[in-house]
Amino acid sequence: MKLVVFVLNKEELLEQVLEAYVEAGIEGATILDSEGMGRFLTYEVPLFADFKEFMKGNKPYNKTILSVVRDEELIPDLEQLLDDVCGGLSAPGTGIFFTIPVDHAAGLVGQEE
């Protein structure tokens, strides 16, 4: 069982990203509004105000999508679908995808224990 974390930098792709989750067979996820550290430091901490020029073109906010996935075989398909939707996860400013092992989870709707 894995926690799949995807930080989507292009909020306008959220609907397509969620469609990719469904297509990959992942039934549920939690979507959080999030903000990158660079944006926060640049705009909220005066010491880093000179980074504003460096941050030009970066989206100030993003979406973080969390999902606990029991069937780990679904994850490579999801990653490929997200790569396609976002135009290549290796490209800067598209998103970050990673997994974390989960030892225990309760309350997962639609999934057997």
PDB file of N, CA and C in Angstrom:
ATOM      1  N   MET A   1       0.859  -1.174   0.000  1.00  0.00           N
ATOM      2  CA  MET A   1       0.000   0.000   0.000  1.00  0.00           C
ATOM      3  C   MET A   1       0.899   1.229   0.000  1.00  0.00           C
ATOM      4  N   LYS A   2       0.514   2.215  -0.805  1.00  0.00           N
ATOM      5  CA  LYS A   2       1.318   3.433  -0.956  1.00  0.00           C
ATOM      6  C   LYS A   2       0.442   4.682  -0.829  1.00  0.00           C
ATOM      7  N   LEU A   3       1.053   5.732  -0.322  1.00  0.00           N
ATOM      8  CA  LEU A   3       0.464   7.057  -0.418  1.00  0.00           C
ATOM      9  C   LEU A   3       1.043   7.680  -1.674  1.00  0.00           C
ATOM     10  N   VAL A   4       0.174   8.017  -2.616  1.00  0.00           N
ATOM     11  CA  VAL A   4       0.594   8.675  -3.845  1.00  0.00           C
ATOM     12  C   VAL A   4       0.389  10.173  -3.643  1.00  0.00           C
ATOM     13  N   VAL A   5       1.442  10.931  -3.874  1.00  0.00           N
ATOM     14  CA  VAL A   5       1.394  12.387  -3.738  1.00  0.00           C
ATOM     15  C   VAL A   5       1.728  12.993  -5.092  1.00  0.00           C
ATOM     16  N   PHE A   6       0.855  13.875  -5.555  1.00  0.00           N
ATOM     17  CA  PHE A   6       1.118  14.578  -6.803  1.00  0.00           C
ATOM     18  C   PHE A   6       0.881  16.063  -6.580  1.00  0.00           C
ATOM     19  N   VAL A   7       1.918  16.858  -6.762  1.00  0.00           N
ATOM     20  CA  VAL A   7       1.807  18.313  -6.668  1.00  0.00           C
ATOM     21  C   VAL A   7       1.689  18.829  -8.094  1.00  0.00           C
ATOM     22  N   LEU A   8       0.514  19.330  -8.422  1.00  0.00           N
ATOM     23  CA  LEU A   8       0.207  19.820  -9.769  1.00  0.00           C
ATOM     24  C   LEU A   8       0.451  21.320  -9.821  1.00  0.00           C
ATOM     25  N   ASN A   9       1.382  21.740 -10.630  1.00  0.00           N
ATOM     26  CA  ASN A   9       1.700  23.165 -10.730  1.00  0.00           C
ATOM     27  C   ASN A   9       0.773  23.915 -11.684  1.00  0.00           C
ATOM     28  N   LYS A  10       0.151  23.207 -12.583  1.00  0.00           N
ATOM     29  CA  LYS A  10      -0.751  23.846 -13.553  1.00  0.00           C
ATOM     30  C   LYS A  10      -2.196  23.543 -13.159  1.00  0.00           C
ATOM     31  N   GLU A  11      -2.760  24.419 -12.327  1.00  0.00           N
ATOM     32  CA  GLU A  11      -4.106  24.201 -11.799  1.00  0.00           C
ATOM     33  C   GLU A  11      -5.152  23.992 -12.884  1.00  0.00           C
ATOM     34  N   GLU A  12      -4.930  24.565 -14.043  1.00  0.00           N
ATOM     35  CA  GLU A  12      -5.906  24.437 -15.124  1.00  0.00           C
ATOM     36  C   GLU A  12      -6.018  23.008 -15.649  1.00  0.00           C
ATOM     37  N   LEU A  13      -5.086  22.149 -15.274  1.00  0.00           N
ATOM     38  CA  LEU A  13      -5.110  20.745 -15.701  1.00  0.00           C
ATOM     39  C   LEU A  13      -5.761  19.830 -14.666  1.00  0.00           C
ATOM     40  N   LEU A  14      -6.313  20.380 -13.595  1.00  0.00           N
ATOM     41  CA  LEU A  14      -6.832  19.568 -12.503  1.00  0.00           C
ATOM     42  C   LEU A  14      -7.878  18.560 -12.973  1.00  0.00           C
ATOM     43  N   GLU A  15      -8.827  18.986 -13.778  1.00  0.00           N
ATOM     44  CA  GLU A  15      -9.878  18.075 -14.239  1.00  0.00           C
ATOM     45  C   GLU A  15      -9.282  16.908 -15.032  1.00  0.00           C
ATOM     46  N   GLN A  16      -8.344  17.193 -15.918  1.00  0.00           N
ATOM     47  CA  GLN A  16      -7.702  16.143 -16.702  1.00  0.00           C
ATOM     48  C   GLN A  16      -6.877  15.215 -15.805  1.00  0.00           C
ATOM     49  N   VAL A  17      -6.244  15.770 -14.794  1.00  0.00           N
ATOM     50  CA  VAL A  17      -5.459  14.958 -13.861  1.00  0.00           C
ATOM     51  C   VAL A  17      -6.376  14.006 -13.101  1.00  0.00           C
ATOM     52  N   LEU A  18      -7.521  14.488 -12.633  1.00  0.00           N
ATOM     53  CA  LEU A  18      -8.456  13.625 -11.921  1.00  0.00           C
ATOM     54  C   LEU A  18      -9.022  12.545 -12.836  1.00  0.00           C
ATOM     55  N   GLU A  19      -9.234  12.883 -14.099  1.00  0.00           N
ATOM     56  CA  GLU A  19      -9.662  11.876 -15.077  1.00  0.00           C
ATOM     57  C   GLU A  19      -8.584  10.800 -15.231  1.00  0.00           C
ATOM     58  N   ALA A  20      -7.317  11.182 -15.167  1.00  0.00           N
ATOM     59  CA  ALA A  20      -6.217  10.218 -15.258  1.00  0.00           C
ATOM     60  C   ALA A  20      -6.241   9.272 -14.054  1.00  0.00           C
ATOM     61  N   TYR A  21      -6.538   9.797 -12.874  1.00  0.00           N
ATOM     62  CA  TYR A  21      -6.648   8.943 -11.689  1.00  0.00           C
ATOM     63  C   TYR A  21      -7.731   7.892 -11.903  1.00  0.00           C
ATOM     64  N   VAL A  22      -8.893   8.321 -12.373  1.00  0.00           N
ATOM     65  CA  VAL A  22     -10.011   7.391 -12.608  1.00  0.00           C
ATOM     66  C   VAL A  22      -9.632   6.374 -13.682  1.00  0.00           C
ATOM     67  N   GLU A  23      -9.019   6.835 -14.759  1.00  0.00           N
ATOM     68  CA  GLU A  23      -8.597   5.941 -15.838  1.00  0.00           C
ATOM     69  C   GLU A  23      -7.588   4.907 -15.342  1.00  0.00           C
ATOM     70  N   ALA A  24      -6.729   5.290 -14.406  1.00  0.00           N
ATOM     71  CA  ALA A  24      -5.728   4.371 -13.858  1.00  0.00           C
ATOM     72  C   ALA A  24      -6.338   3.398 -12.847  1.00  0.00           C
ATOM     73  N   GLY A  25      -7.591   3.626 -12.451  1.00  0.00           N
ATOM     74  CA  GLY A  25      -8.249   2.736 -11.509  1.00  0.00           C
ATOM     75  C   GLY A  25      -8.168   3.176 -10.067  1.00  0.00           C
ATOM     76  N   ILE A  26      -7.797   4.412  -9.840  1.00  0.00           N
ATOM     77  CA  ILE A  26      -7.714   4.944  -8.474  1.00  0.00           C
ATOM     78  C   ILE A  26      -9.022   5.671  -8.178  1.00  0.00           C
ATOM     79  N   GLU A  27      -9.710   5.167  -7.160  1.00  0.00           N
ATOM     80  CA  GLU A  27     -11.086   5.592  -6.915  1.00  0.00           C
ATOM     81  C   GLU A  27     -11.241   6.851  -6.091  1.00  0.00           C
ATOM     82  N   GLY A  28     -10.245   7.215  -5.310  1.00  0.00           N
ATOM     83  CA  GLY A  28     -10.431   8.362  -4.437  1.00  0.00           C
ATOM     84  C   GLY A  28      -9.145   9.118  -4.204  1.00  0.00           C
ATOM     85  N   ALA A  29      -9.284  10.394  -3.921  1.00  0.00           N
ATOM     86  CA  ALA A  29      -8.131  11.246  -3.645  1.00  0.00           C
ATOM     87  C   ALA A  29      -8.614  12.467  -2.877  1.00  0.00           C
ATOM     88  N   THR A  30      -7.691  13.096  -2.204  1.00  0.00           N
ATOM     89  CA  THR A  30      -7.953  14.354  -1.510  1.00  0.00           C
ATOM     90  C   THR A  30      -7.148  15.442  -2.203  1.00  0.00           C
ATOM     91  N   ILE A  31      -7.800  16.563  -2.482  1.00  0.00           N
ATOM     92  CA  ILE A  31      -7.156  17.669  -3.197  1.00  0.00           C
ATOM     93  C   ILE A  31      -6.985  18.827  -2.222  1.00  0.00           C
ATOM     94  N   LEU A  32      -5.741  19.289  -2.096  1.00  0.00           N
ATOM     95  CA  LEU A  32      -5.429  20.404  -1.215  1.00  0.00           C
ATOM     96  C   LEU A  32      -4.902  21.586  -2.017  1.00  0.00           C
ATOM     97  N   ASP A  33      -5.308  22.790  -1.642  1.00  0.00           N
ATOM     98  CA  ASP A  33      -4.681  23.982  -2.192  1.00  0.00           C
ATOM     99  C   ASP A  33      -3.318  24.109  -1.530  1.00  0.00           C
ATOM    100  N   SER A  34      -2.294  24.386  -2.309  1.00  0.00           N
ATOM    101  CA  SER A  34      -0.949  24.469  -1.747  1.00  0.00           C
ATOM    102  C   SER A  34      -0.158  25.589  -2.408  1.00  0.00           C
ATOM    103  N   GLU A  35       0.974  25.867  -1.800  1.00  0.00           N
ATOM    104  CA  GLU A  35       1.827  26.963  -2.258  1.00  0.00           C
ATOM    105  C   GLU A  35       3.277  26.517  -2.097  1.00  0.00           C
ATOM    106  N   GLY A  36       4.079  26.770  -3.116  1.00  0.00           N
ATOM    107  CA  GLY A  36       5.483  26.383  -3.055  1.00  0.00           C
ATOM    108  C   GLY A  36       6.296  27.291  -2.146  1.00  0.00           C
ATOM    109  N   MET A  37       7.362  26.743  -1.616  1.00  0.00           N
ATOM    110  CA  MET A  37       8.228  27.487  -0.707  1.00  0.00           C
ATOM    111  C   MET A  37       8.842  28.702  -1.395  1.00  0.00           C
ATOM    112  N   GLY A  38       9.243  28.541  -2.650  1.00  0.00           N
ATOM    113  CA  GLY A  38       9.853  29.654  -3.372  1.00  0.00           C
ATOM    114  C   GLY A  38       8.922  30.835  -3.485  1.00  0.00           C
ATOM    115  N   ARG A  39       7.663  30.589  -3.796  1.00  0.00           N
ATOM    116  CA  ARG A  39       6.684  31.669  -3.912  1.00  0.00           C
ATOM    117  C   ARG A  39       6.476  32.338  -2.570  1.00  0.00           C
ATOM    118  N   PHE A  40       6.360  31.545  -1.512  1.00  0.00           N
ATOM    119  CA  PHE A  40       6.145  32.101  -0.184  1.00  0.00           C
ATOM    120  C   PHE A  40       7.313  32.983   0.235  1.00  0.00           C
ATOM    121  N   LEU A  41       8.526  32.469   0.074  1.00  0.00           N
ATOM    122  CA  LEU A  41       9.704  33.248   0.474  1.00  0.00           C
ATOM    123  C   LEU A  41       9.824  34.527  -0.346  1.00  0.00           C
ATOM    124  N   THR A  42       9.537  34.421  -1.630  1.00  0.00           N
ATOM    125  CA  THR A  42       9.678  35.571  -2.516  1.00  0.00           C
ATOM    126  C   THR A  42       8.706  36.691  -2.174  1.00  0.00           C
ATOM    127  N   TYR A  43       7.475  36.336  -1.866  1.00  0.00           N
ATOM    128  CA  TYR A  43       6.453  37.355  -1.682  1.00  0.00           C
ATOM    129  C   TYR A  43       6.123  37.677  -0.227  1.00  0.00           C
ATOM    130  N   GLU A  44       6.473  36.800   0.699  1.00  0.00           N
ATOM    131  CA  GLU A  44       6.089  37.009   2.098  1.00  0.00           C
ATOM    132  C   GLU A  44       7.264  37.334   3.015  1.00  0.00           C
ATOM    133  N   VAL A  45       8.473  37.044   2.603  1.00  0.00           N
ATOM    134  CA  VAL A  45       9.649  37.285   3.442  1.00  0.00           C
ATOM    135  C   VAL A  45      10.517  38.336   2.753  1.00  0.00           C
ATOM    136  N   PRO A  46      10.576  39.561   3.288  1.00  0.00           N
ATOM    137  CA  PRO A  46      11.287  40.654   2.621  1.00  0.00           C
ATOM    138  C   PRO A  46      12.739  40.327   2.266  1.00  0.00           C
ATOM    139  N   LEU A  47      13.380  39.512   3.056  1.00  0.00           N
ATOM    140  CA  LEU A  47      14.767  39.155   2.817  1.00  0.00           C
ATOM    141  C   LEU A  47      14.966  38.525   1.428  1.00  0.00           C
ATOM    142  N   PHE A  48      13.932  37.835   0.912  1.00  0.00           N
ATOM    143  CA  PHE A  48      14.025  37.129  -0.353  1.00  0.00           C
ATOM    144  C   PHE A  48      13.312  37.855  -1.493  1.00  0.00           C
ATOM    145  N   ALA A  49      12.973  39.096  -1.308  1.00  0.00           N
ATOM    146  CA  ALA A  49      12.214  39.854  -2.313  1.00  0.00           C
ATOM    147  C   ALA A  49      12.936  39.932  -3.660  1.00  0.00           C
ATOM    148  N   ASP A  50      14.257  39.854  -3.659  1.00  0.00           N
ATOM    149  CA  ASP A  50      15.004  39.924  -4.916  1.00  0.00           C
ATOM    150  C   ASP A  50      14.758  38.710  -5.813  1.00  0.00           C
ATOM    151  N   PHE A  51      14.167  37.665  -5.283  1.00  0.00           N
ATOM    152  CA  PHE A  51      13.885  36.468  -6.073  1.00  0.00           C
ATOM    153  C   PHE A  51      12.665  36.640  -6.979  1.00  0.00           C
ATOM    154  N   LYS A  52      11.938  37.759  -6.856  1.00  0.00           N
ATOM    155  CA  LYS A  52      10.734  37.954  -7.668  1.00  0.00           C
ATOM    156  C   LYS A  52      11.033  37.828  -9.154  1.00  0.00           C
ATOM    157  N   GLU A  53      12.137  38.377  -9.587  1.00  0.00           N
ATOM    158  CA  GLU A  53      12.504  38.281 -11.005  1.00  0.00           C
ATOM    159  C   GLU A  53      12.758  36.824 -11.394  1.00  0.00           C
ATOM    160  N   PHE A  54      13.412  36.105 -10.511  1.00  0.00           N
ATOM    161  CA  PHE A  54      13.705  34.682 -10.750  1.00  0.00           C
ATOM    162  C   PHE A  54      12.421  33.856 -10.836  1.00  0.00           C
ATOM    163  N   MET A  55      11.399  34.222 -10.075  1.00  0.00           N
ATOM    164  CA  MET A  55      10.155  33.461  -9.996  1.00  0.00           C
ATOM    165  C   MET A  55       9.164  33.807 -11.099  1.00  0.00           C
ATOM    166  N   LYS A  56       9.469  34.787 -11.930  1.00  0.00           N
ATOM    167  CA  LYS A  56       8.537  35.180 -12.992  1.00  0.00           C
ATOM    168  C   LYS A  56       8.180  33.981 -13.848  1.00  0.00           C
ATOM    169  N   GLY A  57       6.896  33.864 -14.167  1.00  0.00           N
ATOM    170  CA  GLY A  57       6.425  32.769 -14.989  1.00  0.00           C
ATOM    171  C   GLY A  57       5.976  31.561 -14.188  1.00  0.00           C
ATOM    172  N   ASN A  58       6.421  31.437 -12.947  1.00  0.00           N
ATOM    173  CA  ASN A  58       5.974  30.331 -12.102  1.00  0.00           C
ATOM    174  C   ASN A  58       4.592  30.638 -11.562  1.00  0.00           C
ATOM    175  N   LYS A  59       3.761  29.630 -11.491  1.00  0.00           N
ATOM    176  CA  LYS A  59       2.427  29.800 -10.931  1.00  0.00           C
ATOM    177  C   LYS A  59       2.549  29.937  -9.415  1.00  0.00           C
ATOM    178  N   PRO A  60       1.823  30.881  -8.816  1.00  0.00           N
ATOM    179  CA  PRO A  60       1.965  31.092  -7.379  1.00  0.00           C
ATOM    180  C   PRO A  60       1.375  29.964  -6.535  1.00  0.00           C
ATOM    181  N   TYR A  61       0.350  29.322  -7.039  1.00  0.00           N
ATOM    182  CA  TYR A  61      -0.323  28.292  -6.252  1.00  0.00           C
ATOM    183  C   TYR A  61      -0.404  27.012  -7.060  1.00  0.00           C
ATOM    184  N   ASN A  62      -0.626  25.909  -6.339  1.00  0.00           N
ATOM    185  CA  ASN A  62      -0.767  24.628  -7.004  1.00  0.00           C
ATOM    186  C   ASN A  62      -1.770  23.782  -6.234  1.00  0.00           C
ATOM    187  N   LYS A  63      -1.980  22.581  -6.702  1.00  0.00           N
ATOM    188  CA  LYS A  63      -2.870  21.622  -6.052  1.00  0.00           C
ATOM    189  C   LYS A  63      -2.037  20.407  -5.666  1.00  0.00           C
ATOM    190  N   THR A  64      -2.229  19.939  -4.449  1.00  0.00           N
ATOM    191  CA  THR A  64      -1.580  18.717  -4.000  1.00  0.00           C
ATOM    192  C   THR A  64      -2.663  17.654  -3.865  1.00  0.00           C
ATOM    193  N   ILE A  65      -2.443  16.537  -4.543  1.00  0.00           N
ATOM    194  CA  ILE A  65      -3.423  15.455  -4.581  1.00  0.00           C
ATOM    195  C   ILE A  65      -2.828  14.261  -3.827  1.00  0.00           C
ATOM    196  N   LEU A  66      -3.570  13.784  -2.827  1.00  0.00           N
ATOM    197  CA  LEU A  66      -3.146  12.661  -2.001  1.00  0.00           C
ATOM    198  C   LEU A  66      -4.092  11.491  -2.217  1.00  0.00           C
ATOM    199  N   SER A  67      -3.536  10.294  -2.352  1.00  0.00           N
ATOM    200  CA  SER A  67      -4.375   9.113  -2.503  1.00  0.00           C
ATOM    201  C   SER A  67      -3.657   7.900  -1.924  1.00  0.00           C
ATOM    202  N   VAL A  68      -4.357   7.127  -1.096  1.00  0.00           N
ATOM    203  CA  VAL A  68      -3.813   5.869  -0.597  1.00  0.00           C
ATOM    204  C   VAL A  68      -4.226   4.783  -1.587  1.00  0.00           C
ATOM    205  N   VAL A  69      -3.219   4.094  -2.127  1.00  0.00           N
ATOM    206  CA  VAL A  69      -3.458   3.103  -3.176  1.00  0.00           C
ATOM    207  C   VAL A  69      -3.025   1.731  -2.670  1.00  0.00           C
ATOM    208  N   ARG A  70      -3.981   0.813  -2.596  1.00  0.00           N
ATOM    209  CA  ARG A  70      -3.666  -0.552  -2.150  1.00  0.00           C
ATOM    210  C   ARG A  70      -2.961  -1.343  -3.244  1.00  0.00           C
ATOM    211  N   ASP A  71      -3.442  -1.231  -4.469  1.00  0.00           N
ATOM    212  CA  ASP A  71      -2.887  -1.993  -5.588  1.00  0.00           C
ATOM    213  C   ASP A  71      -1.741  -1.199  -6.209  1.00  0.00           C
ATOM    214  N   GLU A  72      -0.525  -1.504  -5.795  1.00  0.00           N
ATOM    215  CA  GLU A  72       0.645  -0.742  -6.241  1.00  0.00           C
ATOM    216  C   GLU A  72       0.906  -0.888  -7.742  1.00  0.00           C
ATOM    217  N   GLU A  73       0.309  -1.888  -8.367  1.00  0.00           N
ATOM    218  CA  GLU A  73       0.480  -2.074  -9.814  1.00  0.00           C
ATOM    219  C   GLU A  73      -0.199  -0.966 -10.617  1.00  0.00           C
ATOM    220  N   LEU A  74      -1.104  -0.216  -9.990  1.00  0.00           N
ATOM    221  CA  LEU A  74      -1.781   0.899 -10.661  1.00  0.00           C
ATOM    222  C   LEU A  74      -0.874   2.122 -10.801  1.00  0.00           C
ATOM    223  N   ILE A  75       0.139   2.221  -9.967  1.00  0.00           N
ATOM    224  CA  ILE A  75       0.945   3.444  -9.872  1.00  0.00           C
ATOM    225  C   ILE A  75       1.729   3.754 -11.143  1.00  0.00           C
ATOM    226  N   PRO A  76       2.398   2.796 -11.788  1.00  0.00           N
ATOM    227  CA  PRO A  76       3.106   3.140 -13.031  1.00  0.00           C
ATOM    228  C   PRO A  76       2.175   3.666 -14.127  1.00  0.00           C
ATOM    229  N   ASP A  77       0.968   3.082 -14.221  1.00  0.00           N
ATOM    230  CA  ASP A  77       0.004   3.577 -15.216  1.00  0.00           C
ATOM    231  C   ASP A  77      -0.413   5.010 -14.901  1.00  0.00           C
ATOM    232  N   LEU A  78      -0.671   5.288 -13.618  1.00  0.00           N
ATOM    233  CA  LEU A  78      -1.031   6.644 -13.218  1.00  0.00           C
ATOM    234  C   LEU A  78       0.087   7.617 -13.553  1.00  0.00           C
ATOM    235  N   GLU A  79       1.319   7.247 -13.233  1.00  0.00           N
ATOM    236  CA  GLU A  79       2.448   8.141 -13.507  1.00  0.00           C
ATOM    237  C   GLU A  79       2.556   8.448 -15.005  1.00  0.00           C
ATOM    238  N   GLN A  80       2.367   7.431 -15.836  1.00  0.00           N
ATOM    239  CA  GLN A  80       2.431   7.652 -17.287  1.00  0.00           C
ATOM    240  C   GLN A  80       1.300   8.565 -17.764  1.00  0.00           C
ATOM    241  N   LEU A  81       0.097   8.346 -17.244  1.00  0.00           N
ATOM    242  CA  LEU A  81      -1.038   9.200 -17.616  1.00  0.00           C
ATOM    243  C   LEU A  81      -0.801  10.645 -17.187  1.00  0.00           C
ATOM    244  N   LEU A  82      -0.283  10.838 -15.969  1.00  0.00           N
ATOM    245  CA  LEU A  82       0.003  12.195 -15.489  1.00  0.00           C
ATOM    246  C   LEU A  82       1.095  12.849 -16.323  1.00  0.00           C
ATOM    247  N   ASP A  83       2.093  12.071 -16.695  1.00  0.00           N
ATOM    248  CA  ASP A  83       3.163  12.570 -17.552  1.00  0.00           C
ATOM    249  C   ASP A  83       2.579  13.073 -18.874  1.00  0.00           C
ATOM    250  N   ASP A  84       1.665  12.306 -19.439  1.00  0.00           N
ATOM    251  CA  ASP A  84       1.028  12.693 -20.704  1.00  0.00           C
ATOM    252  C   ASP A  84       0.183  13.957 -20.545  1.00  0.00           C
ATOM    253  N   VAL A  85      -0.623  14.005 -19.493  1.00  0.00           N
ATOM    254  CA  VAL A  85      -1.518  15.150 -19.257  1.00  0.00           C
ATOM    255  C   VAL A  85      -0.725  16.435 -19.039  1.00  0.00           C
ATOM    256  N   CYS A  86       0.358  16.340 -18.280  1.00  0.00           N
ATOM    257  CA  CYS A  86       1.120  17.531 -17.887  1.00  0.00           C
ATOM    258  C   CYS A  86       2.195  17.925 -18.893  1.00  0.00           C
ATOM    259  N   GLY A  87       2.390  17.126 -19.914  1.00  0.00           N
ATOM    260  CA  GLY A  87       3.400  17.468 -20.914  1.00  0.00           C
ATOM    261  C   GLY A  87       4.805  17.084 -20.491  1.00  0.00           C
ATOM    262  N   GLY A  88       4.913  16.079 -19.645  1.00  0.00           N
ATOM    263  CA  GLY A  88       6.230  15.597 -19.228  1.00  0.00           C
ATOM    264  C   GLY A  88       6.597  16.069 -17.840  1.00  0.00           C
ATOM    265  N   LEU A  89       6.579  15.157 -16.877  1.00  0.00           N
ATOM    266  CA  LEU A  89       6.903  15.526 -15.496  1.00  0.00           C
ATOM    267  C   LEU A  89       8.360  15.921 -15.318  1.00  0.00           C
ATOM    268  N   SER A  90       9.207  15.562 -16.275  1.00  0.00           N
ATOM    269  CA  SER A  90      10.615  15.952 -16.166  1.00  0.00           C
ATOM    270  C   SER A  90      10.830  17.412 -16.570  1.00  0.00           C
ATOM    271  N   ALA A  91       9.816  18.026 -17.186  1.00  0.00           N
ATOM    272  CA  ALA A  91       9.909  19.440 -17.567  1.00  0.00           C
ATOM    273  C   ALA A  91       9.680  20.310 -16.333  1.00  0.00           C
ATOM    274  N   PRO A  92      10.424  21.406 -16.204  1.00  0.00           N
ATOM    275  CA  PRO A  92      10.251  22.288 -15.041  1.00  0.00           C
ATOM    276  C   PRO A  92       8.845  22.879 -14.978  1.00  0.00           C
ATOM    277  N   GLY A  93       8.328  23.008 -13.763  1.00  0.00           N
ATOM    278  CA  GLY A  93       7.056  23.689 -13.557  1.00  0.00           C
ATOM    279  C   GLY A  93       5.822  22.874 -13.881  1.00  0.00           C
ATOM    280  N   THR A  94       5.952  21.562 -14.072  1.00  0.00           N
ATOM    281  CA  THR A  94       4.775  20.756 -14.394  1.00  0.00           C
ATOM    282  C   THR A  94       4.176  20.129 -13.148  1.00  0.00           C
ATOM    283  N   GLY A  95       5.009  19.487 -12.349  1.00  0.00           N
ATOM    284  CA  GLY A  95       4.511  18.845 -11.145  1.00  0.00           C
ATOM    285  C   GLY A  95       5.542  17.907 -10.565  1.00  0.00           C
ATOM    286  N   ILE A  96       5.217  17.405  -9.376  1.00  0.00           N
ATOM    287  CA  ILE A  96       6.082  16.464  -8.674  1.00  0.00           C
ATOM    288  C   ILE A  96       5.224  15.268  -8.282  1.00  0.00           C
ATOM    289  N   PHE A  97       5.714  14.071  -8.590  1.00  0.00           N
ATOM    290  CA  PHE A  97       4.993  12.836  -8.309  1.00  0.00           C
ATOM    291  C   PHE A  97       5.887  11.932  -7.474  1.00  0.00           C
ATOM    292  N   PHE A  98       5.376  11.438  -6.336  1.00  0.00           N
ATOM    293  CA  PHE A  98       6.147  10.483  -5.553  1.00  0.00           C
ATOM    294  C   PHE A  98       5.213   9.634  -4.705  1.00  0.00           C
ATOM    295  N   THR A  99       5.760   8.527  -4.173  1.00  0.00           N
ATOM    296  CA  THR A  99       4.990   7.642  -3.313  1.00  0.00           C
ATOM    297  C   THR A  99       5.717   7.453  -1.989  1.00  0.00           C
ATOM    298  N   ILE A 100       4.935   7.098  -0.980  1.00  0.00           N
ATOM    299  CA  ILE A 100       5.457   6.824   0.359  1.00  0.00           C
ATOM    300  C   ILE A 100       4.789   5.534   0.833  1.00  0.00           C
ATOM    301  N   PRO A 101       5.550   4.606   1.409  1.00  0.00           N
ATOM    302  CA  PRO A 101       4.924   3.387   1.935  1.00  0.00           C
ATOM    303  C   PRO A 101       3.925   3.704   3.051  1.00  0.00           C
ATOM    304  N   VAL A 102       2.818   2.963   3.068  1.00  0.00           N
ATOM    305  CA  VAL A 102       1.805   3.098   4.110  1.00  0.00           C
ATOM    306  C   VAL A 102       1.691   1.754   4.820  1.00  0.00           C
ATOM    307  N   ASP A 103       1.920   1.742   6.123  1.00  0.00           N
ATOM    308  CA  ASP A 103       1.850   0.506   6.899  1.00  0.00           C
ATOM    309  C   ASP A 103       0.424   0.147   7.308  1.00  0.00           C
ATOM    310  N   HIS A 104      -0.410   1.174   7.499  1.00  0.00           N
ATOM    311  CA  HIS A 104      -1.777   0.927   7.958  1.00  0.00           C
ATOM    312  C   HIS A 104      -2.666   2.067   7.505  1.00  0.00           C
ATOM    313  N   ALA A 105      -3.892   1.720   7.138  1.00  0.00           N
ATOM    314  CA  ALA A 105      -4.901   2.734   6.803  1.00  0.00           C
ATOM    315  C   ALA A 105      -6.264   2.208   7.171  1.00  0.00           C
ATOM    316  N   ALA A 106      -7.123   3.063   7.680  1.00  0.00           N
ATOM    317  CA  ALA A 106      -8.496   2.696   8.009  1.00  0.00           C
ATOM    318  C   ALA A 106      -9.415   3.718   7.349  1.00  0.00           C
ATOM    319  N   GLY A 107     -10.631   3.285   7.068  1.00  0.00           N
ATOM    320  CA  GLY A 107     -11.611   4.204   6.507  1.00  0.00           C
ATOM    321  C   GLY A 107     -11.511   4.423   5.023  1.00  0.00           C
ATOM    322  N   LEU A 108     -10.838   3.542   4.324  1.00  0.00           N
ATOM    323  CA  LEU A 108     -10.730   3.679   2.871  1.00  0.00           C
ATOM    324  C   LEU A 108     -12.027   3.202   2.239  1.00  0.00           C
ATOM    325  N   VAL A 109     -12.761   4.101   1.662  1.00  0.00           N
ATOM    326  CA  VAL A 109     -14.053   3.797   1.073  1.00  0.00           C
ATOM    327  C   VAL A 109     -13.872   2.985  -0.201  1.00  0.00           C
ATOM    328  N   GLY A 110     -14.680   1.932  -0.343  1.00  0.00           N
ATOM    329  CA  GLY A 110     -14.671   1.152  -1.572  1.00  0.00           C
ATOM    330  C   GLY A 110     -13.522   0.179  -1.675  1.00  0.00           C
ATOM    331  N   GLN A 111     -12.746   0.014  -0.626  1.00  0.00           N
ATOM    332  CA  GLN A 111     -11.621  -0.919  -0.675  1.00  0.00           C
ATOM    333  C   GLN A 111     -11.726  -1.866   0.517  1.00  0.00           C
ATOM    334  N   GLU A 112     -11.521  -3.138   0.263  1.00  0.00           N
ATOM    335  CA  GLU A 112     -11.571  -4.133   1.326  1.00  0.00           C
ATOM    336  C   GLU A 112     -10.316  -4.039   2.190  1.00  0.00           C
ATOM    337  N   GLU A 113     -10.464  -4.368   3.451  1.00  0.00           N
ATOM    338  CA  GLU A 113      -9.314  -4.406   4.357  1.00  0.00           C
ATOM    339  C   GLU A 113      -8.468  -5.621   4.055  1.00  0.00           C
TER     340      GLU A 113
END
